[in-house]
Amino acid sequence: MRKGPPMPDVSINVGGRAYQVSCQPGEEHFLRAAAAILDAEAQPLQGQLGRLPEARLLLMTALLVADKAAAQDDELRQLRARLAGIEAQGPVTVEVPVIPATVGESLAGIAARVEALAGVVEEMAAPIMDTVPDDPVSEEISDEDADEPSPIGD
């Protein structure tokens, strides 16, 4: 006696032939997708070779699908080997300077020129600065001027 829910029957077409196939409940869409793959291989075979006996058509179709699966397995193995080689190399570090060396050198040159100019300006201003009082504004304002309203206005 069978246990569990009944297996659903699914109608599929492969190479222009209809088949009734049972599958596990919930697996119907996978069965239909697999049948569509087989049918996609069987249709061109029939176009090239004409009407074939059922067993031969299914065998040839299965061989074509198996060939594609084997090619994909080979490609997957190659990609995994390549990935393993890359992972074995360890992490790749790339150093990217924030400021290129030429820019840093140019900035250092500019800074040196600015400092030299500041020194020249200080030398030229020194004789003038000796004649200027320390706080010229406060010396001009006397106590009696402080009581008068400001001409600027408050």
Protein backbone atom coordinates (compact mmCIF):
# COMPACT_ATOMS: atom_id res chain seq x y z
CA MET A 1 0.00 0.00 0.00
CA ARG A 2 1.09 3.56 -0.76
CA LYS A 3 1.66 6.08 2.02
CA GLY A 4 1.31 9.83 1.72
CA PRO A 5 -0.52 11.96 -0.82
CA PRO A 6 -0.98 10.64 -4.35
CA MET A 7 1.65 11.62 -6.91
CA PRO A 8 0.36 14.09 -9.49
CA ASP A 9 0.47 13.21 -13.18
CA VAL A 10 1.97 15.84 -15.46
CA SER A 11 1.53 16.01 -19.22
CA ILE A 12 4.74 16.86 -21.08
CA ASN A 13 5.80 16.98 -24.73
CA VAL A 14 9.22 15.95 -26.01
CA GLY A 15 9.94 15.95 -29.71
CA GLY A 16 6.30 16.33 -30.62
CA ARG A 17 5.24 13.33 -28.54
CA ALA A 18 3.02 13.59 -25.47
CA TYR A 19 3.86 11.74 -22.24
CA GLN A 20 2.13 11.40 -18.86
CA VAL A 21 4.67 11.42 -16.06
CA SER A 22 4.18 11.20 -12.28
CA CYS A 23 6.21 13.26 -9.84
CA GLN A 24 6.31 14.26 -6.19
CA PRO A 25 3.73 16.85 -5.08
CA GLY A 26 5.16 20.34 -5.57
CA GLU A 27 7.72 19.18 -8.16
CA GLU A 28 5.49 19.72 -11.20
CA HIS A 29 7.18 22.95 -12.31
CA PHE A 30 10.63 21.28 -12.18
CA LEU A 31 9.37 18.40 -14.30
CA ARG A 32 7.89 20.80 -16.85
CA ALA A 33 11.14 22.80 -16.96
CA ALA A 34 13.18 19.60 -17.52
CA ALA A 35 10.78 18.49 -20.25
CA ALA A 36 11.13 21.90 -21.94
CA ILE A 37 14.94 21.44 -22.00
CA LEU A 38 14.57 17.99 -23.55
CA ASP A 39 12.06 19.28 -26.08
CA ALA A 40 14.38 22.15 -27.06
CA GLU A 41 17.03 19.55 -27.94
CA ALA A 42 14.66 17.07 -29.58
CA GLN A 43 12.99 19.54 -31.98
CA PRO A 44 16.18 20.37 -33.95
CA LEU A 45 17.12 16.67 -34.04
CA GLN A 46 13.85 15.81 -35.73
CA GLY A 47 14.33 18.72 -38.13
CA GLN A 48 17.78 17.42 -39.12
CA LEU A 49 17.19 13.65 -39.04
CA GLY A 50 13.47 13.36 -39.72
CA ARG A 51 11.07 11.25 -37.71
CA LEU A 52 13.04 8.99 -35.40
CA PRO A 53 11.84 6.03 -33.36
CA GLU A 54 10.85 7.12 -29.86
CA ALA A 55 13.71 5.34 -28.07
CA ARG A 56 16.34 6.71 -30.47
CA LEU A 57 14.95 10.26 -30.24
CA LEU A 58 15.00 10.16 -26.43
CA LEU A 59 18.52 8.66 -26.39
CA MET A 60 19.92 11.28 -28.78
CA THR A 61 18.20 14.06 -26.85
CA ALA A 62 19.53 12.75 -23.53
CA LEU A 63 23.06 12.56 -24.99
CA LEU A 64 22.89 16.18 -26.19
CA VAL A 65 21.68 17.37 -22.79
CA ALA A 66 24.36 15.27 -21.04
CA ASP A 67 27.04 16.75 -23.32
CA LYS A 68 25.97 20.28 -22.39
CA ALA A 69 25.92 19.34 -18.69
CA ALA A 70 29.44 17.86 -18.97
CA ALA A 71 30.71 21.03 -20.67
CA GLN A 72 29.21 23.13 -17.89
CA ASP A 73 30.79 20.85 -15.27
CA ASP A 74 34.19 21.31 -16.94
CA GLU A 75 33.75 25.07 -17.02
CA LEU A 76 32.67 25.06 -13.37
CA ARG A 77 35.77 23.04 -12.40
CA GLN A 78 38.02 25.47 -14.28
CA LEU A 79 36.38 28.48 -12.64
CA ARG A 80 36.69 26.91 -9.19
CA ALA A 81 40.38 26.17 -9.81
CA ARG A 82 40.93 29.74 -10.98
CA LEU A 83 39.10 31.08 -7.94
CA ALA A 84 41.16 28.87 -5.62
CA GLY A 85 44.34 30.24 -7.22
CA ILE A 86 43.19 33.80 -6.72
CA GLU A 87 42.19 33.13 -3.11
CA ALA A 88 45.57 31.45 -2.46
CA GLN A 89 47.34 34.65 -3.45
CA GLY A 90 45.78 36.39 -0.48
CA PRO A 91 44.24 39.82 -0.41
CA VAL A 92 45.49 42.32 -2.94
CA THR A 93 46.44 45.67 -1.50
CA VAL A 94 46.64 48.71 -3.67
CA GLU A 95 48.26 51.83 -2.35
CA VAL A 96 46.82 55.00 -3.73
CA PRO A 97 48.50 58.19 -2.56
CA VAL A 98 46.07 60.81 -1.38
CA ILE A 99 48.28 63.56 -2.79
CA PRO A 100 50.72 62.70 -5.58
CA ALA A 101 54.38 63.37 -4.79
CA THR A 102 54.64 66.12 -7.42
CA VAL A 103 51.83 68.06 -5.77
CA GLY A 104 53.51 67.74 -2.38
CA GLU A 105 56.80 68.99 -3.82
CA SER A 106 55.04 71.94 -5.48
CA LEU A 107 53.29 72.85 -2.23
CA ALA A 108 56.59 72.70 -0.33
CA GLY A 109 58.15 75.05 -2.91
CA ILE A 110 55.23 77.48 -2.64
CA ALA A 111 55.43 77.42 1.17
CA ALA A 112 59.16 78.24 1.04
CA ARG A 113 58.49 81.22 -1.27
CA VAL A 114 55.71 82.51 0.98
CA GLU A 115 58.00 82.33 4.03
CA ALA A 116 60.75 84.18 2.13
CA LEU A 117 58.29 86.91 1.06
CA ALA A 118 57.01 87.22 4.63
CA GLY A 119 60.59 87.80 5.79
CA VAL A 120 61.12 90.52 3.16
CA VAL A 121 57.83 92.21 4.14
CA GLU A 122 58.81 92.16 7.82
CA GLU A 123 62.21 93.73 7.00
CA MET A 124 60.58 96.45 4.88
CA ALA A 125 57.91 97.15 7.50
CA ALA A 126 60.29 97.29 10.47
CA PRO A 127 61.37 100.97 10.00
CA ILE A 128 57.74 102.02 9.56
CA MET A 129 56.55 100.03 12.57
CA ASP A 130 59.15 101.73 14.80
CA THR A 131 57.44 105.11 14.25
CA VAL A 132 53.89 103.89 14.90
CA PRO A 133 52.71 103.92 18.56
CA ASP A 134 51.70 100.59 20.07
CA ASP A 135 47.99 101.54 20.30
CA PRO A 136 47.41 104.64 18.18
CA VAL A 137 43.63 104.64 18.64
CA SER A 138 43.66 104.76 22.44
CA GLU A 139 46.26 107.57 22.53
CA GLU A 140 44.08 109.82 20.33
CA ILE A 141 41.07 109.51 22.63
CA SER A 142 41.36 111.55 25.80
CA ASP A 143 39.12 111.44 28.84
CA GLU A 144 37.19 114.58 27.86
CA ASP A 145 36.52 113.17 24.35
CA ALA A 146 34.98 110.09 25.87
CA ASP A 147 31.95 112.11 27.15
CA GLU A 148 31.14 113.52 23.70
CA PRO A 149 28.81 111.57 21.38
CA SER A 150 30.50 109.59 18.68
CA PRO A 151 30.31 111.03 15.15
CA ILE A 152 29.66 107.53 13.86
CA GLY A 153 26.57 107.07 15.96
CA ASP A 154 25.59 104.30 18.30
